[in-house]
Amino acid sequence: MSQLLNISHALRVPPVFLLAPIGRPHDQLDLVNLSDTFAGMTVAEFDAWISGETDGAYRWRNLTERTERSQLEAMRELIASLRERRRLTIIVAIEAELTPASEVTTEPALWDTTQEQLAEANQRIQQLTTYLADTGWDLEGWAK
């Protein structure tokens, strides 16, 4: 596995590109020594399964598997939302620094959506952290 990941990283491609012909998504997966549970799985289904997509072409076998994938997807979204919040916070700081004191008001301009986007990001981060914490994830220090 480590060799696969090292080669994939060196080639700057996702590991799935080395495992399956992604350019032919409807082909049957053709990897030797896989268990019978992979029989009939298409490349698209394999890609969805290996990347943990809950809404991909792969058919989840049971509710537990789907729940675990939903949690993984929520964690990925949380990480992206935290990055977006950092980006928006920097933009707000830059905008504040560039705005002359004479133009500073308590009301945002109609065209200024950065604060709204930041509020939405904060709301989504709160939703995701609540969901993940309720499912047992230890998120101490994550949403800072």
Protein backbone atom coordinates (compact mmCIF):
# COMPACT_ATOMS: atom_id res chain seq x y z
CA MET A 1 0.00 0.00 0.00
CA SER A 2 2.79 2.42 0.87
CA GLN A 3 4.45 1.78 -2.49
CA LEU A 4 1.18 2.52 -4.29
CA LEU A 5 0.76 5.78 -2.36
CA ASN A 6 4.39 6.82 -2.95
CA ILE A 7 4.11 6.17 -6.69
CA SER A 8 0.76 7.95 -6.85
CA HIS A 9 2.18 10.96 -5.02
CA ALA A 10 5.26 11.06 -7.24
CA LEU A 11 3.08 10.96 -10.35
CA ARG A 12 0.71 13.53 -8.83
CA VAL A 13 -2.37 11.41 -9.47
CA PRO A 14 -4.93 9.92 -7.09
CA PRO A 15 -4.19 6.25 -6.26
CA VAL A 16 -7.43 5.15 -7.91
CA PHE A 17 -5.94 6.21 -11.27
CA LEU A 18 -3.31 3.51 -10.84
CA LEU A 19 -5.83 0.87 -9.80
CA ALA A 20 -8.60 1.21 -12.35
CA PRO A 21 -9.14 2.61 -15.84
CA ILE A 22 -10.98 5.76 -14.74
CA GLY A 23 -11.38 6.83 -18.38
CA ARG A 24 -13.71 3.85 -18.88
CA PRO A 25 -16.09 4.20 -15.91
CA HIS A 26 -18.64 1.63 -17.07
CA ASP A 27 -16.09 -1.17 -17.52
CA GLN A 28 -16.03 -3.97 -14.98
CA LEU A 29 -13.31 -3.65 -12.36
CA ASP A 30 -10.45 -6.00 -13.28
CA LEU A 31 -8.02 -6.34 -10.38
CA VAL A 32 -6.56 -9.72 -9.47
CA ASN A 33 -7.01 -11.36 -6.07
CA LEU A 34 -10.06 -9.33 -5.00
CA SER A 35 -12.81 -10.99 -3.01
CA ASP A 36 -16.05 -12.00 -4.67
CA THR A 37 -17.77 -8.93 -3.19
CA PHE A 38 -16.12 -6.89 -5.95
CA ALA A 39 -17.58 -9.10 -8.69
CA GLY A 40 -19.56 -7.03 -11.16
CA MET A 41 -18.42 -3.70 -9.70
CA THR A 42 -17.81 -1.09 -12.36
CA VAL A 43 -14.88 1.31 -12.34
CA ALA A 44 -17.27 4.16 -11.43
CA GLU A 45 -18.64 2.18 -8.49
CA PHE A 46 -15.09 1.34 -7.37
CA ASP A 47 -14.09 5.00 -7.57
CA ALA A 48 -17.12 6.04 -5.50
CA TRP A 49 -16.43 3.30 -2.95
CA ILE A 50 -12.71 3.97 -2.58
CA SER A 51 -13.24 7.73 -2.25
CA GLY A 52 -16.01 7.28 0.31
CA GLU A 53 -18.70 9.08 -1.65
CA THR A 54 -22.13 8.56 -0.16
CA ASP A 55 -23.94 9.57 -3.32
CA GLY A 56 -21.71 7.75 -5.80
CA ALA A 57 -22.63 4.83 -7.99
CA TYR A 58 -21.63 2.27 -5.35
CA ARG A 59 -24.54 0.61 -3.59
CA TRP A 60 -23.95 0.55 0.16
CA ARG A 61 -24.51 -2.88 1.66
CA ASN A 62 -26.09 -1.75 4.92
CA LEU A 63 -27.11 1.25 6.97
CA THR A 64 -23.94 1.14 9.08
CA GLU A 65 -21.72 1.43 6.02
CA ARG A 66 -23.78 4.33 4.68
CA THR A 67 -23.67 6.08 8.07
CA GLU A 68 -19.89 5.71 8.26
CA ARG A 69 -19.52 7.14 4.76
CA SER A 70 -21.84 10.04 5.66
CA GLN A 71 -19.67 10.81 8.65
CA LEU A 72 -16.54 10.72 6.50
CA GLU A 73 -18.18 13.06 4.01
CA ALA A 74 -19.17 15.41 6.85
CA MET A 75 -15.56 15.42 8.08
CA ARG A 76 -14.33 16.30 4.59
CA GLU A 77 -16.88 19.10 4.37
CA LEU A 78 -15.85 20.35 7.82
CA ILE A 79 -12.21 20.56 6.73
CA ALA A 80 -13.20 22.46 3.57
CA SER A 81 -15.48 24.78 5.58
CA LEU A 82 -12.70 25.54 8.05
CA ARG A 83 -10.39 26.45 5.15
CA GLU A 84 -13.11 28.66 3.67
CA ARG A 85 -13.65 30.38 7.02
CA ARG A 86 -9.90 31.12 7.28
CA ARG A 87 -9.94 32.54 3.75
CA LEU A 88 -12.98 34.73 4.43
CA THR A 89 -11.55 35.95 7.74
CA ILE A 90 -8.42 37.11 5.92
CA ILE A 91 -10.53 38.88 3.29
CA VAL A 92 -12.56 40.66 5.99
CA ALA A 93 -9.34 41.82 7.67
CA ILE A 94 -7.90 43.05 4.37
CA GLU A 95 -11.13 44.86 3.49
CA ALA A 96 -11.16 46.54 6.92
CA GLU A 97 -7.55 47.61 6.52
CA LEU A 98 -8.15 49.05 3.04
CA THR A 99 -11.36 50.89 3.91
CA PRO A 100 -10.73 54.53 4.84
CA ALA A 101 -11.94 55.47 8.34
CA SER A 102 -14.35 57.99 6.82
CA GLU A 103 -16.16 55.17 4.97
CA VAL A 104 -16.50 52.78 7.91
CA THR A 105 -20.15 52.19 8.82
CA THR A 106 -21.99 49.73 10.99
CA GLU A 107 -24.07 48.57 8.02
CA PRO A 108 -22.36 46.54 5.28
CA ALA A 109 -22.71 47.80 1.72
CA LEU A 110 -25.30 46.03 -0.43
CA TRP A 111 -22.59 44.49 -2.58
CA ASP A 112 -20.50 43.28 0.38
CA THR A 113 -21.23 39.60 0.81
CA THR A 114 -18.02 38.57 2.57
CA GLN A 115 -19.55 38.95 6.03
CA GLU A 116 -22.62 36.96 4.92
CA GLN A 117 -20.42 34.21 3.51
CA LEU A 118 -18.43 34.14 6.75
CA ALA A 119 -21.63 33.84 8.78
CA GLU A 120 -22.82 30.98 6.55
CA ALA A 121 -19.47 29.22 6.89
CA ASN A 122 -19.63 29.56 10.67
CA GLN A 123 -23.17 28.20 10.71
CA ARG A 124 -22.20 25.19 8.57
CA ILE A 125 -19.14 24.51 10.73
CA GLN A 126 -21.39 24.51 13.79
CA GLN A 127 -23.84 22.10 12.12
CA LEU A 128 -21.07 19.72 11.05
CA THR A 129 -19.29 19.74 14.40
CA THR A 130 -22.57 19.10 16.21
CA TYR A 131 -23.40 16.20 13.87
CA LEU A 132 -19.96 14.64 14.14
CA ALA A 133 -19.77 15.11 17.91
CA ASP A 134 -23.20 13.49 18.28
CA THR A 135 -21.95 10.48 16.32
CA GLY A 136 -18.94 10.07 18.59
CA TRP A 137 -16.14 11.94 16.81
CA ASP A 138 -13.65 13.70 19.09
CA LEU A 139 -13.43 17.20 17.59
CA GLU A 140 -11.78 19.01 20.48
CA GLY A 141 -9.91 21.97 19.03
CA TRP A 142 -11.10 21.40 15.45
CA ALA A 143 -13.48 24.29 14.88
CA LYS A 144 -11.13 27.01 16.05
